[in-house]
Amino acid sequence: MKQNNIKIAVTGGIGSGKSTVANIIKEQGYAVFSCDEIYNELLRDEAFIKKLTQKFGTEILTDERLNKPKLAQIVFNDEKKLEELNGITHNLIMQKAMELAEKEEMSFCEVPLLFENGYEKLFDNVIVVLRNEAERIKSIVSRSKICEQDVLKRIKVQFDYKYGDFAKYYVIHNNGNLTDLRTNTCEILNRINSLRLL
């Protein structure tokens, strides 16, 4: 029997290529939501920004707008502050993601900190994107224009994907080129659809 309202998370460490995988899924015509995009919407909410400035000070603002790099610099250099930020943001983001997913027959949600927060339990399955650390670092340095030391700090506070047990999930090894990544992603989509239609 055809199953409805299937929710699948797309996750992986910073720089793994999960956003690229999510974009490929979107290109194939599926509903795709991004926790980062939901977070960016929150950052335009005055009440939310006020809550952040009360917690982290007005130095995170530039011309009364949130300065994301400044906030990142504060929280990634202080574990307690990172926990405080996560405590404010994560549940709000996931609540919105679930609301969006409930409206779809099948949807995918890009969730950066899935395993760190136990959010995998909210989904029917998970696509895990894995990539070797050297390539991840190179990608983030190039994309975000931050130094290697700052990248390593961010990797250190995330779930350790090197030793994770992903046997019950779909896994994509992103160690080739974009063509390979697209092929692997589409193969997984075919597998998900074949199981769904049983």
C-alpha atoms as a PDB file:
ATOM      1  CA  MET A   1       0.000   0.000   0.000  1.00  0.00           C
ATOM      2  CA  LYS A   2       1.279   3.473  -0.848  1.00  0.00           C
ATOM      3  CA  GLN A   3       2.561   5.312   2.214  1.00  0.00           C
ATOM      4  CA  ASN A   4       1.780   9.002   2.607  1.00  0.00           C
ATOM      5  CA  ASN A   5       3.552  11.824   4.451  1.00  0.00           C
ATOM      6  CA  ILE A   6       7.048  10.369   4.386  1.00  0.00           C
ATOM      7  CA  LYS A   7       9.695  12.577   5.955  1.00  0.00           C
ATOM      8  CA  ILE A   8      13.358  12.000   5.107  1.00  0.00           C
ATOM      9  CA  ALA A   9      16.253  13.948   6.592  1.00  0.00           C
ATOM     10  CA  VAL A  10      19.384  14.816   4.622  1.00  0.00           C
ATOM     11  CA  THR A  11      22.389  15.306   6.879  1.00  0.00           C
ATOM     12  CA  GLY A  12      26.166  15.205   7.088  1.00  0.00           C
ATOM     13  CA  GLY A  13      29.006  17.156   8.638  1.00  0.00           C
ATOM     14  CA  ILE A  14      29.831  20.708   7.655  1.00  0.00           C
ATOM     15  CA  GLY A  15      31.319  20.720   4.141  1.00  0.00           C
ATOM     16  CA  SER A  16      30.098  17.197   3.330  1.00  0.00           C
ATOM     17  CA  GLY A  17      27.956  18.302   0.388  1.00  0.00           C
ATOM     18  CA  LYS A  18      24.528  17.800   1.974  1.00  0.00           C
ATOM     19  CA  SER A  19      23.234  21.086   0.486  1.00  0.00           C
ATOM     20  CA  THR A  20      24.275  19.926  -2.973  1.00  0.00           C
ATOM     21  CA  VAL A  21      22.471  16.612  -2.421  1.00  0.00           C
ATOM     22  CA  ALA A  22      19.370  18.493  -1.209  1.00  0.00           C
ATOM     23  CA  ASN A  23      19.499  20.658  -4.361  1.00  0.00           C
ATOM     24  CA  ILE A  24      19.756  17.571  -6.584  1.00  0.00           C
ATOM     25  CA  ILE A  25      16.688  16.107  -4.855  1.00  0.00           C
ATOM     26  CA  LYS A  26      14.853  19.395  -5.403  1.00  0.00           C
ATOM     27  CA  GLU A  27      15.832  19.334  -9.103  1.00  0.00           C
ATOM     28  CA  GLN A  28      14.130  15.925  -9.335  1.00  0.00           C
ATOM     29  CA  GLY A  29      10.841  17.555  -8.328  1.00  0.00           C
ATOM     30  CA  TYR A  30      10.617  16.671  -4.636  1.00  0.00           C
ATOM     31  CA  ALA A  31       9.624  18.975  -1.782  1.00  0.00           C
ATOM     32  CA  VAL A  32      12.843  19.958   0.010  1.00  0.00           C
ATOM     33  CA  PHE A  33      13.175  22.113   3.124  1.00  0.00           C
ATOM     34  CA  SER A  34      16.353  23.514   4.621  1.00  0.00           C
ATOM     35  CA  CYS A  35      16.896  24.182   8.324  1.00  0.00           C
ATOM     36  CA  ASP A  36      19.453  26.834   7.342  1.00  0.00           C
ATOM     37  CA  GLU A  37      16.829  28.648   5.240  1.00  0.00           C
ATOM     38  CA  ILE A  38      14.302  28.434   8.080  1.00  0.00           C
ATOM     39  CA  TYR A  39      16.991  29.834  10.419  1.00  0.00           C
ATOM     40  CA  ASN A  40      17.648  32.702   7.988  1.00  0.00           C
ATOM     41  CA  GLU A  41      13.926  33.513   8.038  1.00  0.00           C
ATOM     42  CA  LEU A  42      14.033  33.560  11.845  1.00  0.00           C
ATOM     43  CA  LEU A  43      16.925  36.030  11.672  1.00  0.00           C
ATOM     44  CA  ARG A  44      14.586  38.524  10.021  1.00  0.00           C
ATOM     45  CA  ASP A  45      12.148  38.273  12.929  1.00  0.00           C
ATOM     46  CA  GLU A  46      12.569  41.235  15.302  1.00  0.00           C
ATOM     47  CA  ALA A  47      11.429  39.328  18.402  1.00  0.00           C
ATOM     48  CA  PHE A  48      13.919  36.555  17.687  1.00  0.00           C
ATOM     49  CA  ILE A  49      16.804  39.009  17.139  1.00  0.00           C
ATOM     50  CA  LYS A  50      15.906  40.737  20.399  1.00  0.00           C
ATOM     51  CA  LYS A  51      16.121  37.387  22.190  1.00  0.00           C
ATOM     52  CA  LEU A  52      19.596  36.825  20.712  1.00  0.00           C
ATOM     53  CA  THR A  53      20.880  40.282  21.678  1.00  0.00           C
ATOM     54  CA  GLN A  54      19.630  39.795  25.235  1.00  0.00           C
ATOM     55  CA  LYS A  55      21.679  36.598  25.412  1.00  0.00           C
ATOM     56  CA  PHE A  56      24.810  37.532  23.422  1.00  0.00           C
ATOM     57  CA  GLY A  57      24.944  41.336  23.555  1.00  0.00           C
ATOM     58  CA  THR A  58      24.498  44.102  21.004  1.00  0.00           C
ATOM     59  CA  GLU A  59      27.943  43.423  19.480  1.00  0.00           C
ATOM     60  CA  ILE A  60      26.257  40.768  17.303  1.00  0.00           C
ATOM     61  CA  LEU A  61      24.427  43.591  15.497  1.00  0.00           C
ATOM     62  CA  THR A  62      25.645  45.729  12.598  1.00  0.00           C
ATOM     63  CA  ASP A  63      23.339  48.633  11.711  1.00  0.00           C
ATOM     64  CA  GLU A  64      20.617  46.965  13.813  1.00  0.00           C
ATOM     65  CA  ARG A  65      20.852  43.782  11.754  1.00  0.00           C
ATOM     66  CA  LEU A  66      22.262  40.489  12.953  1.00  0.00           C
ATOM     67  CA  ASN A  67      25.897  39.985  11.979  1.00  0.00           C
ATOM     68  CA  LYS A  68      26.019  36.203  11.448  1.00  0.00           C
ATOM     69  CA  PRO A  69      29.836  35.938  11.195  1.00  0.00           C
ATOM     70  CA  LYS A  70      30.163  37.846  14.487  1.00  0.00           C
ATOM     71  CA  LEU A  71      27.645  35.559  16.201  1.00  0.00           C
ATOM     72  CA  ALA A  72      29.460  32.500  14.810  1.00  0.00           C
ATOM     73  CA  GLN A  73      32.785  33.829  16.094  1.00  0.00           C
ATOM     74  CA  ILE A  74      31.310  34.180  19.607  1.00  0.00           C
ATOM     75  CA  VAL A  75      29.596  30.783  19.831  1.00  0.00           C
ATOM     76  CA  PHE A  76      32.266  28.641  18.162  1.00  0.00           C
ATOM     77  CA  ASN A  77      34.841  29.935  20.654  1.00  0.00           C
ATOM     78  CA  ASP A  78      32.676  29.209  23.701  1.00  0.00           C
ATOM     79  CA  GLU A  79      30.994  25.819  24.098  1.00  0.00           C
ATOM     80  CA  LYS A  80      28.486  27.133  26.662  1.00  0.00           C
ATOM     81  CA  LYS A  81      27.383  29.957  24.356  1.00  0.00           C
ATOM     82  CA  LEU A  82      27.006  27.515  21.462  1.00  0.00           C
ATOM     83  CA  GLU A  83      24.723  25.381  23.630  1.00  0.00           C
ATOM     84  CA  GLU A  84      22.717  28.493  24.547  1.00  0.00           C
ATOM     85  CA  LEU A  85      22.287  29.451  20.877  1.00  0.00           C
ATOM     86  CA  ASN A  86      21.269  25.911  19.971  1.00  0.00           C
ATOM     87  CA  GLY A  87      18.782  25.895  22.841  1.00  0.00           C
ATOM     88  CA  ILE A  88      17.126  29.033  21.477  1.00  0.00           C
ATOM     89  CA  THR A  89      17.092  28.066  17.806  1.00  0.00           C
ATOM     90  CA  HIS A  90      16.895  24.322  17.211  1.00  0.00           C
ATOM     91  CA  ASN A  91      13.426  23.502  18.496  1.00  0.00           C
ATOM     92  CA  LEU A  92      11.928  26.542  16.724  1.00  0.00           C
ATOM     93  CA  ILE A  93      13.564  25.480  13.445  1.00  0.00           C
ATOM     94  CA  MET A  94      12.454  21.842  13.682  1.00  0.00           C
ATOM     95  CA  GLN A  95       8.921  22.831  14.640  1.00  0.00           C
ATOM     96  CA  LYS A  96       8.666  24.908  11.453  1.00  0.00           C
ATOM     97  CA  ALA A  97      10.262  22.132   9.346  1.00  0.00           C
ATOM     98  CA  MET A  98       7.729  19.586  10.631  1.00  0.00           C
ATOM     99  CA  GLU A  99       4.834  21.972   9.905  1.00  0.00           C
ATOM    100  CA  LEU A 100       6.036  22.300   6.290  1.00  0.00           C
ATOM    101  CA  ALA A 101       6.608  18.538   5.925  1.00  0.00           C
ATOM    102  CA  GLU A 102       3.111  17.675   7.180  1.00  0.00           C
ATOM    103  CA  LYS A 103       1.662  19.309   4.056  1.00  0.00           C
ATOM    104  CA  GLU A 104       3.571  17.004   1.666  1.00  0.00           C
ATOM    105  CA  GLU A 105       3.090  13.407   0.566  1.00  0.00           C
ATOM    106  CA  MET A 106       6.851  12.959   0.710  1.00  0.00           C
ATOM    107  CA  SER A 107       9.458  15.543   1.681  1.00  0.00           C
ATOM    108  CA  PHE A 108      13.149  15.884   2.390  1.00  0.00           C
ATOM    109  CA  CYS A 109      14.646  18.193   4.994  1.00  0.00           C
ATOM    110  CA  GLU A 110      18.281  19.249   5.131  1.00  0.00           C
ATOM    111  CA  VAL A 111      19.182  19.103   8.838  1.00  0.00           C
ATOM    112  CA  PRO A 112      22.788  20.035   9.762  1.00  0.00           C
ATOM    113  CA  LEU A 113      22.731  18.869  13.406  1.00  0.00           C
ATOM    114  CA  LEU A 114      20.414  15.882  13.152  1.00  0.00           C
ATOM    115  CA  PHE A 115      22.197  13.296  15.310  1.00  0.00           C
ATOM    116  CA  GLU A 116      23.541  15.858  17.797  1.00  0.00           C
ATOM    117  CA  ASN A 117      19.960  16.674  18.827  1.00  0.00           C
ATOM    118  CA  GLY A 118      18.296  13.276  18.383  1.00  0.00           C
ATOM    119  CA  TYR A 119      16.078  14.660  15.612  1.00  0.00           C
ATOM    120  CA  GLU A 120      16.515  11.508  13.494  1.00  0.00           C
ATOM    121  CA  LYS A 121      13.553  10.118  15.503  1.00  0.00           C
ATOM    122  CA  LEU A 122      11.264  12.669  13.805  1.00  0.00           C
ATOM    123  CA  PHE A 123      11.951  11.209  10.341  1.00  0.00           C
ATOM    124  CA  ASP A 124      11.041   7.992   8.544  1.00  0.00           C
ATOM    125  CA  ASN A 125      14.573   7.672   7.223  1.00  0.00           C
ATOM    126  CA  VAL A 126      17.840   9.548   6.794  1.00  0.00           C
ATOM    127  CA  ILE A 127      20.244  10.182   3.918  1.00  0.00           C
ATOM    128  CA  VAL A 128      23.758  10.611   5.360  1.00  0.00           C
ATOM    129  CA  VAL A 129      26.313  12.403   3.170  1.00  0.00           C
ATOM    130  CA  LEU A 130      29.911  11.438   3.979  1.00  0.00           C
ATOM    131  CA  ARG A 131      33.102  13.068   2.706  1.00  0.00           C
ATOM    132  CA  ASN A 132      36.712  12.862   3.820  1.00  0.00           C
ATOM    133  CA  GLU A 133      37.776  15.566   6.256  1.00  0.00           C
ATOM    134  CA  ALA A 134      40.478  17.134   4.067  1.00  0.00           C
ATOM    135  CA  GLU A 135      37.946  17.759   1.279  1.00  0.00           C
ATOM    136  CA  ARG A 136      35.406  19.103   3.776  1.00  0.00           C
ATOM    137  CA  ILE A 137      37.942  21.603   5.162  1.00  0.00           C
ATOM    138  CA  LYS A 138      38.999  22.695   1.670  1.00  0.00           C
ATOM    139  CA  SER A 139      35.360  23.220   0.667  1.00  0.00           C
ATOM    140  CA  ILE A 140      34.460  25.301   3.740  1.00  0.00           C
ATOM    141  CA  VAL A 141      37.598  27.482   3.562  1.00  0.00           C
ATOM    142  CA  SER A 142      36.802  28.229  -0.085  1.00  0.00           C
ATOM    143  CA  ARG A 143      33.054  28.757   0.466  1.00  0.00           C
ATOM    144  CA  SER A 144      32.966  30.652   3.749  1.00  0.00           C
ATOM    145  CA  LYS A 145      36.331  32.451   3.573  1.00  0.00           C
ATOM    146  CA  ILE A 146      37.288  31.349   7.094  1.00  0.00           C
ATOM    147  CA  CYS A 147      40.608  29.904   8.193  1.00  0.00           C
ATOM    148  CA  GLU A 148      41.310  26.192   8.582  1.00  0.00           C
ATOM    149  CA  GLN A 149      41.586  26.531  12.376  1.00  0.00           C
ATOM    150  CA  ASP A 150      38.032  27.924  12.588  1.00  0.00           C
ATOM    151  CA  VAL A 151      36.755  25.135  10.340  1.00  0.00           C
ATOM    152  CA  LEU A 152      38.305  22.515  12.640  1.00  0.00           C
ATOM    153  CA  LYS A 153      36.593  24.141  15.643  1.00  0.00           C
ATOM    154  CA  ARG A 154      33.242  23.732  13.905  1.00  0.00           C
ATOM    155  CA  ILE A 155      33.938  20.139  12.926  1.00  0.00           C
ATOM    156  CA  LYS A 156      34.998  19.339  16.510  1.00  0.00           C
ATOM    157  CA  VAL A 157      31.639  20.376  18.017  1.00  0.00           C
ATOM    158  CA  GLN A 158      29.656  18.288  15.520  1.00  0.00           C
ATOM    159  CA  PHE A 159      28.729  14.610  15.534  1.00  0.00           C
ATOM    160  CA  ASP A 160      31.724  12.440  14.593  1.00  0.00           C
ATOM    161  CA  TYR A 161      30.723  11.030  11.217  1.00  0.00           C
ATOM    162  CA  LYS A 162      33.939   8.985  10.978  1.00  0.00           C
ATOM    163  CA  TYR A 163      32.690   6.506  13.567  1.00  0.00           C
ATOM    164  CA  GLY A 164      28.908   6.714  13.168  1.00  0.00           C
ATOM    165  CA  ASP A 165      26.816   3.601  12.590  1.00  0.00           C
ATOM    166  CA  PHE A 166      24.671   4.345   9.551  1.00  0.00           C
ATOM    167  CA  ALA A 167      23.684   0.761   8.634  1.00  0.00           C
ATOM    168  CA  LYS A 168      19.944   1.500   8.813  1.00  0.00           C
ATOM    169  CA  TYR A 169      20.196   4.702   6.749  1.00  0.00           C
ATOM    170  CA  TYR A 170      20.917   5.620   3.141  1.00  0.00           C
ATOM    171  CA  VAL A 171      24.566   6.669   2.747  1.00  0.00           C
ATOM    172  CA  ILE A 172      26.129   8.759  -0.022  1.00  0.00           C
ATOM    173  CA  HIS A 173      29.936   8.887  -0.213  1.00  0.00           C
ATOM    174  CA  ASN A 174      30.768  12.265  -1.734  1.00  0.00           C
ATOM    175  CA  ASN A 175      34.336  11.586  -2.834  1.00  0.00           C
ATOM    176  CA  GLY A 176      33.969  12.015  -6.572  1.00  0.00           C
ATOM    177  CA  ASN A 177      32.665  14.738  -8.831  1.00  0.00           C
ATOM    178  CA  LEU A 178      29.239  16.345  -9.166  1.00  0.00           C
ATOM    179  CA  THR A 179      28.163  13.809 -11.816  1.00  0.00           C
ATOM    180  CA  ASP A 180      28.893  10.909  -9.441  1.00  0.00           C
ATOM    181  CA  LEU A 181      27.071  12.706  -6.617  1.00  0.00           C
ATOM    182  CA  ARG A 182      24.010  13.245  -8.825  1.00  0.00           C
ATOM    183  CA  THR A 183      24.037   9.584  -9.936  1.00  0.00           C
ATOM    184  CA  ASN A 184      24.320   8.300  -6.352  1.00  0.00           C
ATOM    185  CA  THR A 185      21.557  10.629  -5.145  1.00  0.00           C
ATOM    186  CA  CYS A 186      19.183   9.583  -7.930  1.00  0.00           C
ATOM    187  CA  GLU A 187      19.868   5.892  -7.195  1.00  0.00           C
ATOM    188  CA  ILE A 188      18.826   6.443  -3.585  1.00  0.00           C
ATOM    189  CA  LEU A 189      15.695   8.322  -4.671  1.00  0.00           C
ATOM    190  CA  ASN A 190      14.771   5.331  -6.864  1.00  0.00           C
ATOM    191  CA  ARG A 191      15.274   2.968  -3.915  1.00  0.00           C
ATOM    192  CA  ILE A 192      13.126   5.146  -1.647  1.00  0.00           C
ATOM    193  CA  ASN A 193      10.366   5.288  -4.250  1.00  0.00           C
ATOM    194  CA  SER A 194      10.411   1.551  -4.943  1.00  0.00           C
ATOM    195  CA  LEU A 195       9.986   0.806  -1.207  1.00  0.00           C
ATOM    196  CA  ARG A 196       7.322   3.472  -0.841  1.00  0.00           C
ATOM    197  CA  LEU A 197       5.160   2.016  -3.599  1.00  0.00           C
ATOM    198  CA  LEU A 198       5.257  -1.560  -2.294  1.00  0.00           C
END
